[in-house]
Amino acid sequence: MPNRVHFIAVPNTKEGLARAIDEAHRRYTRRMKLIFSIAKTIRASFMER
């Protein structure tokens, strides 16, 4: 399935894994919001015609 990601990670510190996953989630969310925003803008431009 293309919508799944699996990580095998051994953190150097207690907080290391949480920080890494947090950053990955933050970047993913930012990218998805941008993609959906662009798609919404494109749809709106076609609806105006």
N, C-alpha and C. Protein backbone atom coordinates (compact mmCIF):
# COMPACT_ATOMS: atom_id res chain seq x y z
N MET A 1 0.84 -1.18 0.00
CA MET A 1 0.00 0.00 0.00
C MET A 1 0.88 1.25 0.00
N PRO A 2 0.66 2.17 -0.89
CA PRO A 2 1.53 3.34 -0.99
C PRO A 2 1.32 4.39 0.10
N ASN A 3 0.30 4.24 0.92
CA ASN A 3 0.04 5.26 1.93
C ASN A 3 0.56 4.86 3.31
N ARG A 4 1.51 3.93 3.37
CA ARG A 4 2.05 3.47 4.65
C ARG A 4 3.55 3.63 4.68
N VAL A 5 4.05 3.95 5.87
CA VAL A 5 5.48 4.09 6.07
C VAL A 5 5.84 3.33 7.33
N HIS A 6 6.92 2.58 7.28
CA HIS A 6 7.39 1.84 8.45
C HIS A 6 8.80 2.30 8.78
N PHE A 7 9.06 2.55 10.04
CA PHE A 7 10.38 2.99 10.48
C PHE A 7 11.01 1.94 11.38
N ILE A 8 12.27 1.72 11.21
CA ILE A 8 13.06 0.94 12.16
C ILE A 8 14.12 1.91 12.65
N ALA A 9 14.01 2.31 13.92
CA ALA A 9 14.91 3.35 14.42
C ALA A 9 15.35 3.03 15.84
N VAL A 10 16.59 3.34 16.13
CA VAL A 10 17.13 3.21 17.48
C VAL A 10 17.63 4.59 17.88
N PRO A 11 16.94 5.24 18.80
CA PRO A 11 17.32 6.60 19.18
C PRO A 11 18.57 6.63 20.05
N ASN A 12 19.31 7.73 19.95
CA ASN A 12 20.48 7.94 20.81
C ASN A 12 20.07 8.36 22.21
N THR A 13 18.94 9.04 22.31
CA THR A 13 18.44 9.52 23.61
C THR A 13 16.99 9.11 23.78
N LYS A 14 16.49 9.30 24.98
CA LYS A 14 15.08 8.99 25.25
C LYS A 14 14.14 9.78 24.34
N GLU A 15 14.46 11.05 24.15
CA GLU A 15 13.59 11.94 23.38
C GLU A 15 13.86 11.87 21.88
N GLY A 16 14.93 11.23 21.49
CA GLY A 16 15.36 11.23 20.09
C GLY A 16 14.32 10.72 19.10
N LEU A 17 13.71 9.58 19.40
CA LEU A 17 12.73 9.01 18.49
C LEU A 17 11.49 9.89 18.40
N ALA A 18 11.03 10.39 19.53
CA ALA A 18 9.86 11.27 19.54
C ALA A 18 10.12 12.53 18.72
N ARG A 19 11.30 13.10 18.87
CA ARG A 19 11.64 14.31 18.12
C ARG A 19 11.71 14.04 16.62
N ALA A 20 12.26 12.91 16.25
CA ALA A 20 12.37 12.56 14.83
C ALA A 20 10.99 12.35 14.21
N ILE A 21 10.15 11.61 14.90
CA ILE A 21 8.79 11.37 14.38
C ILE A 21 8.00 12.66 14.34
N ASP A 22 8.18 13.49 15.36
CA ASP A 22 7.49 14.78 15.41
C ASP A 22 7.87 15.63 14.20
N GLU A 23 9.15 15.68 13.89
CA GLU A 23 9.62 16.48 12.75
C GLU A 23 9.12 15.90 11.43
N ALA A 24 9.14 14.59 11.30
CA ALA A 24 8.63 13.95 10.08
C ALA A 24 7.14 14.25 9.91
N HIS A 25 6.40 14.17 10.99
CA HIS A 25 4.95 14.45 10.93
C HIS A 25 4.71 15.92 10.57
N ARG A 26 5.50 16.81 11.15
CA ARG A 26 5.35 18.24 10.88
C ARG A 26 5.60 18.53 9.39
N ARG A 27 6.65 17.93 8.83
CA ARG A 27 6.96 18.15 7.42
C ARG A 27 5.90 17.56 6.50
N TYR A 28 5.43 16.37 6.85
CA TYR A 28 4.38 15.71 6.06
C TYR A 28 3.11 16.57 6.06
N THR A 29 2.72 17.02 7.24
CA THR A 29 1.51 17.83 7.37
C THR A 29 1.63 19.12 6.58
N ARG A 30 2.78 19.78 6.67
CA ARG A 30 3.00 21.02 5.93
C ARG A 30 2.87 20.78 4.43
N ARG A 31 3.45 19.69 3.96
CA ARG A 31 3.40 19.36 2.52
C ARG A 31 1.96 19.05 2.09
N MET A 32 1.23 18.28 2.86
CA MET A 32 -0.15 17.92 2.51
C MET A 32 -1.04 19.16 2.49
N LYS A 33 -0.87 20.06 3.46
CA LYS A 33 -1.66 21.29 3.48
C LYS A 33 -1.38 22.12 2.23
N LEU A 34 -0.10 22.17 1.83
CA LEU A 34 0.25 22.92 0.62
C LEU A 34 -0.38 22.28 -0.61
N ILE A 35 -0.28 20.98 -0.73
CA ILE A 35 -0.85 20.28 -1.89
C ILE A 35 -2.36 20.47 -1.96
N PHE A 36 -3.05 20.33 -0.82
CA PHE A 36 -4.50 20.49 -0.83
C PHE A 36 -4.89 21.95 -1.09
N SER A 37 -4.08 22.87 -0.62
CA SER A 37 -4.35 24.29 -0.87
C SER A 37 -4.23 24.59 -2.36
N ILE A 38 -3.20 24.06 -3.00
CA ILE A 38 -3.02 24.27 -4.44
C ILE A 38 -4.17 23.63 -5.21
N ALA A 39 -4.55 22.41 -4.83
CA ALA A 39 -5.65 21.73 -5.52
C ALA A 39 -6.95 22.51 -5.36
N LYS A 40 -7.18 23.05 -4.18
CA LYS A 40 -8.39 23.84 -3.93
C LYS A 40 -8.40 25.10 -4.80
N THR A 41 -7.25 25.74 -4.94
CA THR A 41 -7.14 26.94 -5.77
C THR A 41 -7.40 26.61 -7.23
N ILE A 42 -6.85 25.51 -7.69
CA ILE A 42 -7.06 25.10 -9.08
C ILE A 42 -8.52 24.79 -9.34
N ARG A 43 -9.17 24.07 -8.43
CA ARG A 43 -10.60 23.76 -8.59
C ARG A 43 -11.42 25.04 -8.62
N ALA A 44 -11.08 25.98 -7.74
CA ALA A 44 -11.84 27.24 -7.68
C ALA A 44 -11.68 28.01 -8.99
N SER A 45 -10.50 27.98 -9.57
CA SER A 45 -10.29 28.72 -10.82
C SER A 45 -11.10 28.11 -11.95
N PHE A 46 -11.30 26.80 -11.96
CA PHE A 46 -12.12 26.17 -12.99
C PHE A 46 -13.60 26.43 -12.76
N MET A 47 -14.00 26.59 -11.51
CA MET A 47 -15.41 26.84 -11.20
C MET A 47 -15.82 28.25 -11.60
N GLU A 48 -14.86 29.18 -11.64
CA GLU A 48 -15.16 30.57 -11.99
C GLU A 48 -15.48 30.72 -13.47
N ARG A 49 -15.04 29.80 -14.28
CA ARG A 49 -15.23 29.93 -15.73
C ARG A 49 -16.62 29.68 -16.16
